[in-house]
Amino acid sequence: MLKMIENLKPGADVWVVERDENDEAVDTTGYVFIAQSGNYVICSPSINGIDSIDYILSYHAQETAESYNTDLCVFPVTDCYATLTAAKKAYTDETGGAEEDE
């Protein structure tokens, strides 16, 4: 069954358990939700501290037009959560401990 991120609309915060190249959980990070397609979530970092979906998509369109190089992120839906609390719990459940401070 496909997991859906409940009640998220484009522009909402989405919290992700990020993984390294060995598929091990390493951090939880907030992004701006753009869309879910199947088993994947498309999101973006906040741009210039602005979370407006129209502003973010306009920024990415401009970056694409200028250099075909923009920073959209795609994560498995199983690593995405609607709240920071849920993401941190998933991280702690998987790793057995709290996130390390850098």
N, C-alpha and C. Protein backbone atom coordinates (compact mmCIF):
# COMPACT_ATOMS: atom_id res chain seq x y z
N MET A 1 0.84 -1.19 0.00
CA MET A 1 0.00 0.00 0.00
C MET A 1 0.88 1.25 0.00
N LEU A 2 0.50 2.23 -0.80
CA LEU A 2 1.26 3.46 -0.94
C LEU A 2 1.06 4.36 0.27
N LYS A 3 2.17 4.79 0.87
CA LYS A 3 2.11 5.74 1.99
C LYS A 3 1.88 7.13 1.42
N MET A 4 0.97 7.86 2.02
CA MET A 4 0.73 9.24 1.62
C MET A 4 1.12 10.15 2.78
N ILE A 5 1.65 11.30 2.46
CA ILE A 5 1.93 12.29 3.47
C ILE A 5 0.62 13.04 3.70
N GLU A 6 0.02 12.83 4.86
CA GLU A 6 -1.31 13.36 5.13
C GLU A 6 -1.34 14.88 5.23
N ASN A 7 -2.37 15.44 4.63
CA ASN A 7 -2.69 16.86 4.76
C ASN A 7 -1.60 17.81 4.27
N LEU A 8 -0.68 17.35 3.46
CA LEU A 8 0.33 18.27 2.95
C LEU A 8 -0.10 18.81 1.60
N LYS A 9 0.02 20.12 1.48
CA LYS A 9 -0.25 20.80 0.23
C LYS A 9 1.05 21.44 -0.23
N PRO A 10 1.21 21.68 -1.52
CA PRO A 10 2.41 22.36 -1.99
C PRO A 10 2.69 23.63 -1.19
N GLY A 11 3.91 23.76 -0.72
CA GLY A 11 4.33 24.89 0.10
C GLY A 11 4.41 24.57 1.58
N ALA A 12 3.85 23.42 1.99
CA ALA A 12 3.90 23.02 3.40
C ALA A 12 5.29 22.50 3.76
N ASP A 13 5.59 22.50 5.05
CA ASP A 13 6.84 21.89 5.52
C ASP A 13 6.72 20.38 5.41
N VAL A 14 7.82 19.73 5.04
CA VAL A 14 7.92 18.27 5.07
C VAL A 14 9.25 17.96 5.73
N TRP A 15 9.24 16.97 6.61
CA TRP A 15 10.44 16.60 7.36
C TRP A 15 10.94 15.26 6.87
N VAL A 16 12.24 15.18 6.62
CA VAL A 16 12.83 14.02 5.96
C VAL A 16 13.91 13.40 6.84
N VAL A 17 13.89 12.07 6.93
CA VAL A 17 15.02 11.34 7.51
C VAL A 17 16.01 11.15 6.35
N GLU A 18 17.10 11.89 6.40
CA GLU A 18 18.09 11.81 5.33
C GLU A 18 19.02 10.62 5.56
N ARG A 19 19.52 10.07 4.45
CA ARG A 19 20.35 8.87 4.49
C ARG A 19 21.67 9.09 3.76
N ASP A 20 22.67 8.33 4.15
CA ASP A 20 23.95 8.37 3.45
C ASP A 20 23.96 7.36 2.31
N GLU A 21 25.10 7.23 1.67
CA GLU A 21 25.22 6.31 0.53
C GLU A 21 25.06 4.85 0.92
N ASN A 22 25.13 4.54 2.22
CA ASN A 22 24.92 3.17 2.70
C ASN A 22 23.48 2.96 3.19
N ASP A 23 22.62 3.91 2.92
CA ASP A 23 21.21 3.87 3.29
C ASP A 23 20.99 3.93 4.80
N GLU A 24 21.95 4.50 5.53
CA GLU A 24 21.82 4.65 6.98
C GLU A 24 21.30 6.04 7.30
N ALA A 25 20.37 6.12 8.22
CA ALA A 25 19.81 7.41 8.64
C ALA A 25 20.90 8.26 9.29
N VAL A 26 21.02 9.51 8.85
CA VAL A 26 22.06 10.39 9.38
C VAL A 26 21.55 11.72 9.93
N ASP A 27 20.30 12.09 9.62
CA ASP A 27 19.83 13.40 10.03
C ASP A 27 18.34 13.53 9.74
N THR A 28 17.70 14.52 10.34
CA THR A 28 16.35 14.92 9.94
C THR A 28 16.43 16.38 9.49
N THR A 29 15.81 16.66 8.37
CA THR A 29 15.90 17.99 7.78
C THR A 29 14.55 18.43 7.25
N GLY A 30 14.27 19.71 7.36
CA GLY A 30 13.03 20.26 6.85
C GLY A 30 13.19 20.78 5.43
N TYR A 31 12.15 20.56 4.63
CA TYR A 31 12.09 21.04 3.25
C TYR A 31 10.72 21.62 3.00
N VAL A 32 10.53 22.17 1.82
CA VAL A 32 9.22 22.65 1.37
C VAL A 32 8.65 21.58 0.44
N PHE A 33 7.47 21.08 0.78
CA PHE A 33 6.81 20.05 -0.01
C PHE A 33 6.33 20.64 -1.34
N ILE A 34 6.63 19.93 -2.44
CA ILE A 34 6.13 20.34 -3.75
C ILE A 34 5.06 19.36 -4.22
N ALA A 35 5.38 18.06 -4.23
CA ALA A 35 4.41 17.08 -4.71
C ALA A 35 4.85 15.67 -4.31
N GLN A 36 3.88 14.77 -4.34
CA GLN A 36 4.18 13.34 -4.19
C GLN A 36 3.76 12.66 -5.49
N SER A 37 4.64 11.81 -5.98
CA SER A 37 4.33 11.00 -7.15
C SER A 37 4.70 9.56 -6.82
N GLY A 38 3.70 8.73 -6.71
CA GLY A 38 3.96 7.34 -6.37
C GLY A 38 4.65 7.24 -5.03
N ASN A 39 5.80 6.57 -5.02
CA ASN A 39 6.54 6.33 -3.79
C ASN A 39 7.60 7.39 -3.50
N TYR A 40 7.49 8.56 -4.15
CA TYR A 40 8.51 9.59 -3.98
C TYR A 40 7.89 10.95 -3.69
N VAL A 41 8.65 11.75 -2.94
CA VAL A 41 8.24 13.11 -2.61
C VAL A 41 9.26 14.06 -3.23
N ILE A 42 8.74 15.06 -3.93
CA ILE A 42 9.57 16.10 -4.54
C ILE A 42 9.49 17.31 -3.62
N CYS A 43 10.65 17.83 -3.25
CA CYS A 43 10.66 18.98 -2.34
C CYS A 43 11.84 19.88 -2.67
N SER A 44 11.88 20.99 -1.98
CA SER A 44 12.90 22.00 -2.21
C SER A 44 13.36 22.56 -0.88
N PRO A 45 14.61 22.97 -0.81
CA PRO A 45 14.99 23.78 0.34
C PRO A 45 14.20 25.09 0.28
N SER A 46 14.06 25.77 1.39
CA SER A 46 13.49 27.10 1.39
C SER A 46 14.43 27.99 0.58
N ILE A 47 13.88 28.89 -0.22
CA ILE A 47 14.70 29.76 -1.06
C ILE A 47 14.69 31.17 -0.47
N ASN A 48 15.86 31.66 -0.12
CA ASN A 48 16.00 33.00 0.47
C ASN A 48 15.10 33.19 1.68
N GLY A 49 14.86 32.10 2.43
CA GLY A 49 14.02 32.16 3.61
C GLY A 49 12.53 32.28 3.32
N ILE A 50 12.15 32.12 2.05
CA ILE A 50 10.75 32.26 1.65
C ILE A 50 10.20 30.88 1.33
N ASP A 51 9.07 30.52 1.94
CA ASP A 51 8.47 29.21 1.74
C ASP A 51 7.29 29.22 0.76
N SER A 52 7.02 30.34 0.12
CA SER A 52 5.92 30.43 -0.84
C SER A 52 6.17 29.49 -2.01
N ILE A 53 5.22 28.59 -2.29
CA ILE A 53 5.40 27.63 -3.38
C ILE A 53 5.54 28.36 -4.72
N ASP A 54 4.80 29.43 -4.94
CA ASP A 54 4.92 30.18 -6.19
C ASP A 54 6.32 30.77 -6.35
N TYR A 55 6.83 31.34 -5.28
CA TYR A 55 8.19 31.91 -5.32
C TYR A 55 9.22 30.81 -5.58
N ILE A 56 9.09 29.69 -4.88
CA ILE A 56 10.05 28.59 -5.03
C ILE A 56 10.03 28.03 -6.45
N LEU A 57 8.85 27.79 -6.99
CA LEU A 57 8.78 27.25 -8.35
C LEU A 57 9.28 28.26 -9.37
N SER A 58 9.00 29.54 -9.16
CA SER A 58 9.53 30.59 -10.04
C SER A 58 11.06 30.60 -10.00
N TYR A 59 11.61 30.48 -8.82
CA TYR A 59 13.07 30.43 -8.66
C TYR A 59 13.66 29.24 -9.42
N HIS A 60 13.07 28.06 -9.24
CA HIS A 60 13.60 26.87 -9.93
C HIS A 60 13.43 26.97 -11.44
N ALA A 61 12.34 27.58 -11.91
CA ALA A 61 12.16 27.78 -13.35
C ALA A 61 13.23 28.72 -13.90
N GLN A 62 13.53 29.77 -13.16
CA GLN A 62 14.57 30.71 -13.60
C GLN A 62 15.94 30.04 -13.62
N GLU A 63 16.25 29.26 -12.59
CA GLU A 63 17.53 28.53 -12.55
C GLU A 63 17.63 27.55 -13.71
N THR A 64 16.53 26.90 -14.04
CA THR A 64 16.52 25.97 -15.16
C THR A 64 16.77 26.73 -16.47
N ALA A 65 16.10 27.85 -16.65
CA ALA A 65 16.27 28.64 -17.88
C ALA A 65 17.70 29.16 -18.02
N GLU A 66 18.30 29.55 -16.91
CA GLU A 66 19.64 30.13 -16.96
C GLU A 66 20.74 29.10 -17.14
N SER A 67 20.60 27.95 -16.45
CA SER A 67 21.74 27.03 -16.45
C SER A 67 21.36 25.55 -16.45
N TYR A 68 20.08 25.24 -16.49
CA TYR A 68 19.62 23.86 -16.38
C TYR A 68 20.20 23.18 -15.15
N ASN A 69 20.34 23.94 -14.09
CA ASN A 69 20.91 23.42 -12.85
C ASN A 69 20.14 24.01 -11.68
N THR A 70 19.30 23.18 -11.06
CA THR A 70 18.55 23.64 -9.91
C THR A 70 18.54 22.56 -8.85
N ASP A 71 18.12 22.89 -7.65
CA ASP A 71 18.27 22.01 -6.49
C ASP A 71 16.93 21.51 -5.97
N LEU A 72 16.22 20.71 -6.78
CA LEU A 72 15.04 20.03 -6.28
C LEU A 72 15.49 18.71 -5.67
N CYS A 73 14.84 18.28 -4.64
CA CYS A 73 15.21 17.05 -3.95
C CYS A 73 14.09 16.03 -4.10
N VAL A 74 14.45 14.77 -4.20
CA VAL A 74 13.48 13.67 -4.27
C VAL A 74 13.87 12.64 -3.22
N PHE A 75 12.89 12.29 -2.37
CA PHE A 75 13.11 11.32 -1.31
C PHE A 75 12.04 10.24 -1.37
N PRO A 76 12.37 9.02 -0.92
CA PRO A 76 11.33 8.00 -0.79
C PRO A 76 10.27 8.48 0.21
N VAL A 77 9.02 8.25 -0.11
CA VAL A 77 7.94 8.70 0.77
C VAL A 77 8.06 8.09 2.16
N THR A 78 8.66 6.91 2.27
CA THR A 78 8.81 6.26 3.57
C THR A 78 9.73 7.03 4.51
N ASP A 79 10.53 7.95 3.99
CA ASP A 79 11.42 8.76 4.82
C ASP A 79 10.87 10.16 5.08
N CYS A 80 9.63 10.44 4.67
CA CYS A 80 9.05 11.77 4.78
C CYS A 80 7.91 11.81 5.79
N TYR A 81 7.85 12.92 6.52
CA TYR A 81 6.87 13.07 7.60
C TYR A 81 6.30 14.48 7.59
N ALA A 82 5.08 14.60 8.05
CA ALA A 82 4.41 15.89 8.09
C ALA A 82 4.87 16.76 9.26
N THR A 83 5.50 16.15 10.27
CA THR A 83 5.95 16.92 11.43
C THR A 83 7.40 16.56 11.80
N LEU A 84 8.07 17.51 12.41
CA LEU A 84 9.43 17.27 12.90
C LEU A 84 9.43 16.18 13.96
N THR A 85 8.43 16.20 14.83
CA THR A 85 8.34 15.20 15.90
C THR A 85 8.28 13.78 15.32
N ALA A 86 7.47 13.58 14.30
CA ALA A 86 7.36 12.26 13.68
C ALA A 86 8.67 11.85 13.01
N ALA A 87 9.34 12.78 12.35
CA ALA A 87 10.62 12.47 11.69
C ALA A 87 11.68 12.12 12.72
N LYS A 88 11.76 12.89 13.80
CA LYS A 88 12.75 12.60 14.85
C LYS A 88 12.47 11.26 15.52
N LYS A 89 11.20 10.92 15.72
CA LYS A 89 10.87 9.62 16.30
C LYS A 89 11.30 8.49 15.37
N ALA A 90 11.04 8.63 14.09
CA ALA A 90 11.45 7.61 13.11
C ALA A 90 12.98 7.46 13.12
N TYR A 91 13.68 8.59 13.17
CA TYR A 91 15.14 8.57 13.21
C TYR A 91 15.62 7.85 14.48
N THR A 92 15.07 8.22 15.62
CA THR A 92 15.47 7.61 16.89
C THR A 92 15.13 6.13 16.93
N ASP A 93 13.95 5.76 16.43
CA ASP A 93 13.55 4.35 16.39
C ASP A 93 14.53 3.53 15.56
N GLU A 94 14.98 4.11 14.46
CA GLU A 94 15.89 3.38 13.56
C GLU A 94 17.31 3.32 14.09
N THR A 95 17.79 4.42 14.66
CA THR A 95 19.19 4.48 15.06
C THR A 95 19.42 4.12 16.52
N GLY A 96 18.36 4.16 17.31
CA GLY A 96 18.49 3.85 18.73
C GLY A 96 19.01 5.00 19.55
N GLY A 97 19.11 6.19 18.96
CA GLY A 97 19.60 7.31 19.72
C GLY A 97 19.23 8.62 19.08
N ALA A 98 19.59 9.69 19.73
CA ALA A 98 19.31 11.03 19.23
C ALA A 98 20.28 11.40 18.13
N GLU A 99 19.90 12.40 17.34
CA GLU A 99 20.78 12.89 16.30
C GLU A 99 22.04 13.48 16.95
N GLU A 100 23.15 13.34 16.24
CA GLU A 100 24.39 13.91 16.73
C GLU A 100 24.48 15.35 16.28
N ASP A 101 24.96 16.23 17.14
CA ASP A 101 25.21 17.61 16.77
C ASP A 101 26.51 17.66 16.01
N GLU A 102 26.54 18.49 14.98
CA GLU A 102 27.79 18.61 14.19
C GLU A 102 28.69 19.64 14.79
